[in-house]
Amino acid sequence: MRKLAVIAIAASLVMGCACHHKAKPATQVAQTSPGMTEDGNPVIVRVVNRHSNVTISASDRGPLYSVKTDEGKLLVANATLEELKRDHADVYRQIAPAIATGEATADSAQR
């Protein structure tokens, strides 16, 4: 009888804890649709992290980089990679490892 009471109490505690568990809020996910920038340039990619949102868009001058804080404050608008490297080195260091350089060939894929 005593064993049964202990099991019943343990089961109710477990059920009570399970009912009060709340899901963590969803994290922000980068947009998957290409879209357009406010200047009308097509978006190549958006890189979203904890502190900033980097939008890389295509233009006649080549890729342009725009950066906003996670609160939406514009830090950089339509900068080239060289301008970003010169004027906003901290942002450049965050995205530089993800920038593809050169051309991929069948030979390089086999190495």
N, C-alpha and C. Protein backbone atom coordinates (compact mmCIF):
# COMPACT_ATOMS: atom_id res chain seq x y z
N MET A 1 0.83 -1.18 0.00
CA MET A 1 0.00 0.00 0.00
C MET A 1 0.88 1.25 0.00
N ARG A 2 1.91 1.21 0.84
CA ARG A 2 2.80 2.37 0.94
C ARG A 2 3.56 2.56 -0.37
N LYS A 3 3.98 1.43 -1.01
CA LYS A 3 4.67 1.50 -2.29
C LYS A 3 3.79 2.13 -3.35
N LEU A 4 2.54 1.77 -3.37
CA LEU A 4 1.59 2.30 -4.33
C LEU A 4 1.40 3.80 -4.15
N ALA A 5 1.38 4.27 -2.92
CA ALA A 5 1.23 5.70 -2.65
C ALA A 5 2.45 6.47 -3.13
N VAL A 6 3.64 5.93 -2.92
CA VAL A 6 4.89 6.57 -3.37
C VAL A 6 4.92 6.66 -4.88
N ILE A 7 4.51 5.58 -5.55
CA ILE A 7 4.49 5.57 -7.01
C ILE A 7 3.48 6.59 -7.54
N ALA A 8 2.33 6.69 -6.91
CA ALA A 8 1.30 7.65 -7.34
C ALA A 8 1.79 9.08 -7.16
N ILE A 9 2.46 9.35 -6.05
CA ILE A 9 2.98 10.71 -5.81
C ILE A 9 4.07 11.04 -6.82
N ALA A 10 4.97 10.08 -7.08
CA ALA A 10 6.05 10.31 -8.04
C ALA A 10 5.47 10.56 -9.44
N ALA A 11 4.47 9.80 -9.82
CA ALA A 11 3.86 9.97 -11.14
C ALA A 11 3.19 11.33 -11.26
N SER A 12 2.53 11.78 -10.21
CA SER A 12 1.87 13.09 -10.27
C SER A 12 2.89 14.23 -10.33
N LEU A 13 4.01 14.06 -9.65
CA LEU A 13 5.08 15.07 -9.73
C LEU A 13 5.64 15.16 -11.15
N VAL A 14 5.89 14.02 -11.74
CA VAL A 14 6.40 14.00 -13.11
C VAL A 14 5.40 14.64 -14.06
N MET A 15 4.15 14.30 -13.95
CA MET A 15 3.12 14.87 -14.81
C MET A 15 2.98 16.37 -14.59
N GLY A 16 3.08 16.80 -13.35
CA GLY A 16 2.99 18.22 -13.04
C GLY A 16 4.13 19.00 -13.65
N CYS A 17 5.32 18.45 -13.57
CA CYS A 17 6.50 19.12 -14.17
C CYS A 17 6.38 19.16 -15.68
N ALA A 18 5.87 18.09 -16.27
CA ALA A 18 5.75 18.03 -17.73
C ALA A 18 4.73 19.04 -18.23
N CYS A 19 3.69 19.29 -17.48
CA CYS A 19 2.65 20.23 -17.90
C CYS A 19 3.13 21.67 -17.85
N HIS A 20 4.07 21.98 -16.99
CA HIS A 20 4.54 23.35 -16.84
C HIS A 20 5.74 23.67 -17.72
N HIS A 21 6.21 22.71 -18.49
CA HIS A 21 7.33 22.95 -19.39
C HIS A 21 6.87 23.83 -20.54
N LYS A 22 7.57 24.94 -20.78
CA LYS A 22 7.22 25.84 -21.87
C LYS A 22 8.28 25.74 -22.95
N ALA A 23 7.85 25.77 -24.17
CA ALA A 23 8.78 25.69 -25.29
C ALA A 23 9.61 26.97 -25.37
N LYS A 24 10.85 26.82 -25.79
CA LYS A 24 11.71 27.99 -25.97
C LYS A 24 11.22 28.75 -27.20
N PRO A 25 11.37 30.08 -27.19
CA PRO A 25 10.93 30.84 -28.37
C PRO A 25 11.78 30.47 -29.58
N ALA A 26 11.16 30.52 -30.74
CA ALA A 26 11.87 30.20 -31.97
C ALA A 26 12.96 31.23 -32.24
N THR A 27 14.08 30.78 -32.76
CA THR A 27 15.15 31.70 -33.11
C THR A 27 14.87 32.31 -34.46
N GLN A 28 15.47 33.43 -34.71
CA GLN A 28 15.25 34.11 -35.97
C GLN A 28 15.94 33.34 -37.10
N VAL A 29 15.25 33.19 -38.21
CA VAL A 29 15.77 32.44 -39.34
C VAL A 29 15.89 33.38 -40.53
N ALA A 30 16.97 33.23 -41.27
CA ALA A 30 17.17 34.06 -42.45
C ALA A 30 16.08 33.79 -43.47
N GLN A 31 15.71 34.82 -44.22
CA GLN A 31 14.70 34.67 -45.25
C GLN A 31 15.21 33.76 -46.35
N THR A 32 14.35 32.96 -46.90
CA THR A 32 14.76 32.07 -47.97
C THR A 32 14.39 32.61 -49.34
N SER A 33 13.41 33.49 -49.43
CA SER A 33 13.05 34.05 -50.72
C SER A 33 14.05 35.14 -51.09
N PRO A 34 14.41 35.24 -52.38
CA PRO A 34 15.44 36.18 -52.79
C PRO A 34 15.09 37.63 -52.45
N GLY A 35 13.91 38.07 -52.79
CA GLY A 35 13.48 39.43 -52.46
C GLY A 35 14.30 40.51 -53.14
N MET A 36 14.00 41.72 -52.78
CA MET A 36 14.70 42.88 -53.30
C MET A 36 15.06 43.79 -52.14
N THR A 37 16.16 44.53 -52.28
CA THR A 37 16.52 45.50 -51.26
C THR A 37 15.66 46.74 -51.45
N GLU A 38 15.78 47.67 -50.53
CA GLU A 38 15.03 48.92 -50.63
C GLU A 38 15.44 49.72 -51.86
N ASP A 39 16.68 49.48 -52.35
CA ASP A 39 17.18 50.18 -53.54
C ASP A 39 16.80 49.47 -54.83
N GLY A 40 16.10 48.35 -54.73
CA GLY A 40 15.68 47.62 -55.91
C GLY A 40 16.68 46.59 -56.40
N ASN A 41 17.75 46.34 -55.63
CA ASN A 41 18.73 45.32 -56.02
C ASN A 41 18.26 43.95 -55.53
N PRO A 42 18.46 42.92 -56.34
CA PRO A 42 18.06 41.58 -55.89
C PRO A 42 18.97 41.08 -54.76
N VAL A 43 18.37 40.47 -53.77
CA VAL A 43 19.11 39.95 -52.62
C VAL A 43 19.74 38.62 -53.00
N ILE A 44 21.05 38.49 -52.75
CA ILE A 44 21.75 37.23 -52.96
C ILE A 44 21.57 36.36 -51.74
N VAL A 45 21.85 36.92 -50.56
CA VAL A 45 21.73 36.15 -49.32
C VAL A 45 21.61 37.11 -48.14
N ARG A 46 20.96 36.62 -47.10
CA ARG A 46 20.91 37.35 -45.83
C ARG A 46 21.57 36.48 -44.78
N VAL A 47 22.50 37.06 -44.05
CA VAL A 47 23.19 36.34 -42.97
C VAL A 47 22.72 36.94 -41.66
N VAL A 48 22.08 36.12 -40.82
CA VAL A 48 21.51 36.59 -39.57
C VAL A 48 22.26 35.96 -38.43
N ASN A 49 22.76 36.80 -37.51
CA ASN A 49 23.38 36.26 -36.30
C ASN A 49 22.80 36.99 -35.09
N ARG A 50 23.38 36.80 -33.94
CA ARG A 50 22.81 37.38 -32.72
C ARG A 50 22.81 38.90 -32.70
N HIS A 51 23.81 39.51 -33.33
CA HIS A 51 23.98 40.95 -33.18
C HIS A 51 23.71 41.75 -34.44
N SER A 52 23.67 41.11 -35.60
CA SER A 52 23.47 41.87 -36.82
C SER A 52 22.84 41.02 -37.92
N ASN A 53 22.32 41.73 -38.92
CA ASN A 53 21.77 41.12 -40.12
C ASN A 53 22.52 41.71 -41.30
N VAL A 54 23.19 40.86 -42.05
CA VAL A 54 23.95 41.31 -43.22
C VAL A 54 23.20 40.88 -44.46
N THR A 55 22.92 41.84 -45.34
CA THR A 55 22.26 41.55 -46.60
C THR A 55 23.25 41.78 -47.72
N ILE A 56 23.46 40.77 -48.54
CA ILE A 56 24.34 40.90 -49.69
C ILE A 56 23.44 40.92 -50.92
N SER A 57 23.59 41.97 -51.72
CA SER A 57 22.73 42.13 -52.90
C SER A 57 23.59 42.32 -54.14
N ALA A 58 22.97 42.04 -55.30
CA ALA A 58 23.65 42.18 -56.58
C ALA A 58 23.38 43.57 -57.14
N SER A 59 24.42 44.17 -57.73
CA SER A 59 24.26 45.48 -58.36
C SER A 59 25.20 45.57 -59.55
N ASP A 60 25.11 46.67 -60.27
CA ASP A 60 26.01 46.90 -61.39
C ASP A 60 27.46 47.01 -60.93
N ARG A 61 27.67 47.43 -59.68
CA ARG A 61 29.03 47.57 -59.12
C ARG A 61 29.54 46.27 -58.53
N GLY A 62 28.74 45.21 -58.59
CA GLY A 62 29.10 43.94 -57.97
C GLY A 62 28.31 43.76 -56.69
N PRO A 63 28.71 42.80 -55.85
CA PRO A 63 27.98 42.57 -54.60
C PRO A 63 28.07 43.78 -53.67
N LEU A 64 26.94 44.12 -53.05
CA LEU A 64 26.91 45.21 -52.08
C LEU A 64 26.45 44.65 -50.74
N TYR A 65 27.01 45.20 -49.67
CA TYR A 65 26.76 44.71 -48.32
C TYR A 65 26.06 45.78 -47.50
N SER A 66 24.95 45.40 -46.87
CA SER A 66 24.23 46.28 -45.96
C SER A 66 24.11 45.56 -44.63
N VAL A 67 24.29 46.33 -43.54
CA VAL A 67 24.29 45.71 -42.21
C VAL A 67 23.34 46.48 -41.30
N LYS A 68 22.49 45.74 -40.61
CA LYS A 68 21.61 46.31 -39.58
C LYS A 68 21.87 45.58 -38.28
N THR A 69 21.68 46.30 -37.16
CA THR A 69 21.77 45.64 -35.86
C THR A 69 20.54 44.77 -35.68
N ASP A 70 20.55 43.93 -34.65
CA ASP A 70 19.38 43.08 -34.41
C ASP A 70 18.17 43.91 -34.00
N GLU A 71 18.39 45.17 -33.59
CA GLU A 71 17.28 46.07 -33.28
C GLU A 71 16.76 46.80 -34.52
N GLY A 72 17.46 46.64 -35.68
CA GLY A 72 17.02 47.27 -36.91
C GLY A 72 17.74 48.55 -37.28
N LYS A 73 18.73 48.98 -36.49
CA LYS A 73 19.48 50.21 -36.79
C LYS A 73 20.46 49.94 -37.93
N LEU A 74 20.42 50.78 -38.96
CA LEU A 74 21.28 50.63 -40.12
C LEU A 74 22.70 51.06 -39.79
N LEU A 75 23.66 50.13 -39.96
CA LEU A 75 25.07 50.44 -39.71
C LEU A 75 25.81 50.75 -41.00
N VAL A 76 25.51 49.99 -42.05
CA VAL A 76 26.19 50.14 -43.34
C VAL A 76 25.15 49.94 -44.43
N ALA A 77 25.20 50.77 -45.46
CA ALA A 77 24.28 50.61 -46.58
C ALA A 77 25.05 50.55 -47.89
N ASN A 78 24.85 49.48 -48.64
CA ASN A 78 25.38 49.34 -50.00
C ASN A 78 26.88 49.58 -50.10
N ALA A 79 27.64 48.95 -49.24
CA ALA A 79 29.10 49.07 -49.27
C ALA A 79 29.67 47.92 -50.09
N THR A 80 30.76 48.19 -50.79
CA THR A 80 31.47 47.11 -51.47
C THR A 80 32.25 46.34 -50.41
N LEU A 81 32.79 45.20 -50.79
CA LEU A 81 33.55 44.39 -49.84
C LEU A 81 34.77 45.16 -49.34
N GLU A 82 35.43 45.89 -50.23
CA GLU A 82 36.60 46.69 -49.82
C GLU A 82 36.21 47.81 -48.85
N GLU A 83 35.07 48.46 -49.10
CA GLU A 83 34.59 49.50 -48.19
C GLU A 83 34.24 48.89 -46.83
N LEU A 84 33.61 47.73 -46.86
CA LEU A 84 33.25 47.05 -45.61
C LEU A 84 34.51 46.69 -44.83
N LYS A 85 35.51 46.17 -45.53
CA LYS A 85 36.78 45.79 -44.89
C LYS A 85 37.47 47.01 -44.29
N ARG A 86 37.47 48.12 -45.00
CA ARG A 86 38.14 49.34 -44.55
C ARG A 86 37.39 50.05 -43.42
N ASP A 87 36.07 50.19 -43.57
CA ASP A 87 35.31 51.02 -42.65
C ASP A 87 34.61 50.26 -41.51
N HIS A 88 34.41 48.97 -41.70
CA HIS A 88 33.69 48.17 -40.69
C HIS A 88 34.36 46.81 -40.57
N ALA A 89 35.59 46.81 -40.10
CA ALA A 89 36.40 45.59 -40.03
C ALA A 89 35.76 44.51 -39.17
N ASP A 90 35.05 44.90 -38.12
CA ASP A 90 34.42 43.90 -37.25
C ASP A 90 33.37 43.09 -38.00
N VAL A 91 32.57 43.75 -38.82
CA VAL A 91 31.55 43.05 -39.61
C VAL A 91 32.24 42.22 -40.69
N TYR A 92 33.26 42.79 -41.32
CA TYR A 92 34.00 42.08 -42.36
C TYR A 92 34.57 40.77 -41.81
N ARG A 93 35.14 40.80 -40.61
CA ARG A 93 35.73 39.60 -40.02
C ARG A 93 34.67 38.52 -39.76
N GLN A 94 33.45 38.93 -39.49
CA GLN A 94 32.37 37.96 -39.25
C GLN A 94 31.97 37.23 -40.52
N ILE A 95 31.94 37.93 -41.65
CA ILE A 95 31.45 37.31 -42.87
C ILE A 95 32.55 36.83 -43.80
N ALA A 96 33.78 37.27 -43.61
CA ALA A 96 34.88 36.91 -44.52
C ALA A 96 35.06 35.40 -44.68
N PRO A 97 34.97 34.60 -43.61
CA PRO A 97 35.14 33.16 -43.81
C PRO A 97 34.08 32.51 -44.71
N ALA A 98 32.96 33.15 -44.88
CA ALA A 98 31.87 32.58 -45.68
C ALA A 98 31.91 33.04 -47.13
N ILE A 99 32.83 33.93 -47.47
CA ILE A 99 32.89 34.46 -48.83
C ILE A 99 33.68 33.52 -49.73
N ALA A 100 33.05 33.11 -50.82
CA ALA A 100 33.70 32.23 -51.79
C ALA A 100 34.63 33.05 -52.67
N THR A 101 35.79 32.50 -52.95
CA THR A 101 36.73 33.17 -53.84
C THR A 101 37.16 32.19 -54.91
N GLY A 102 37.48 32.70 -56.09
CA GLY A 102 37.94 31.84 -57.17
C GLY A 102 36.81 31.07 -57.80
N GLU A 103 37.17 30.20 -58.71
CA GLU A 103 36.18 29.38 -59.39
C GLU A 103 36.36 27.92 -59.02
N ALA A 104 35.28 27.25 -58.87
CA ALA A 104 35.34 25.81 -58.61
C ALA A 104 35.43 25.08 -59.94
N THR A 105 36.28 24.09 -60.00
CA THR A 105 36.40 23.28 -61.20
C THR A 105 36.24 21.82 -60.81
N ALA A 106 36.06 20.97 -61.81
CA ALA A 106 35.93 19.54 -61.54
C ALA A 106 37.21 19.00 -60.92
N ASP A 107 38.36 19.55 -61.32
CA ASP A 107 39.64 19.10 -60.76
C ASP A 107 39.74 19.41 -59.28
N SER A 108 39.30 20.61 -58.87
CA SER A 108 39.43 21.00 -57.45
C SER A 108 38.49 20.19 -56.58
N ALA A 109 37.37 19.73 -57.12
CA ALA A 109 36.43 18.94 -56.34
C ALA A 109 36.95 17.53 -56.07
N GLN A 110 37.84 17.04 -56.93
CA GLN A 110 38.35 15.69 -56.78
C GLN A 110 39.54 15.61 -55.84
N ARG A 111 40.14 16.71 -55.49
CA ARG A 111 41.34 16.70 -54.64
C ARG A 111 41.03 16.43 -53.22
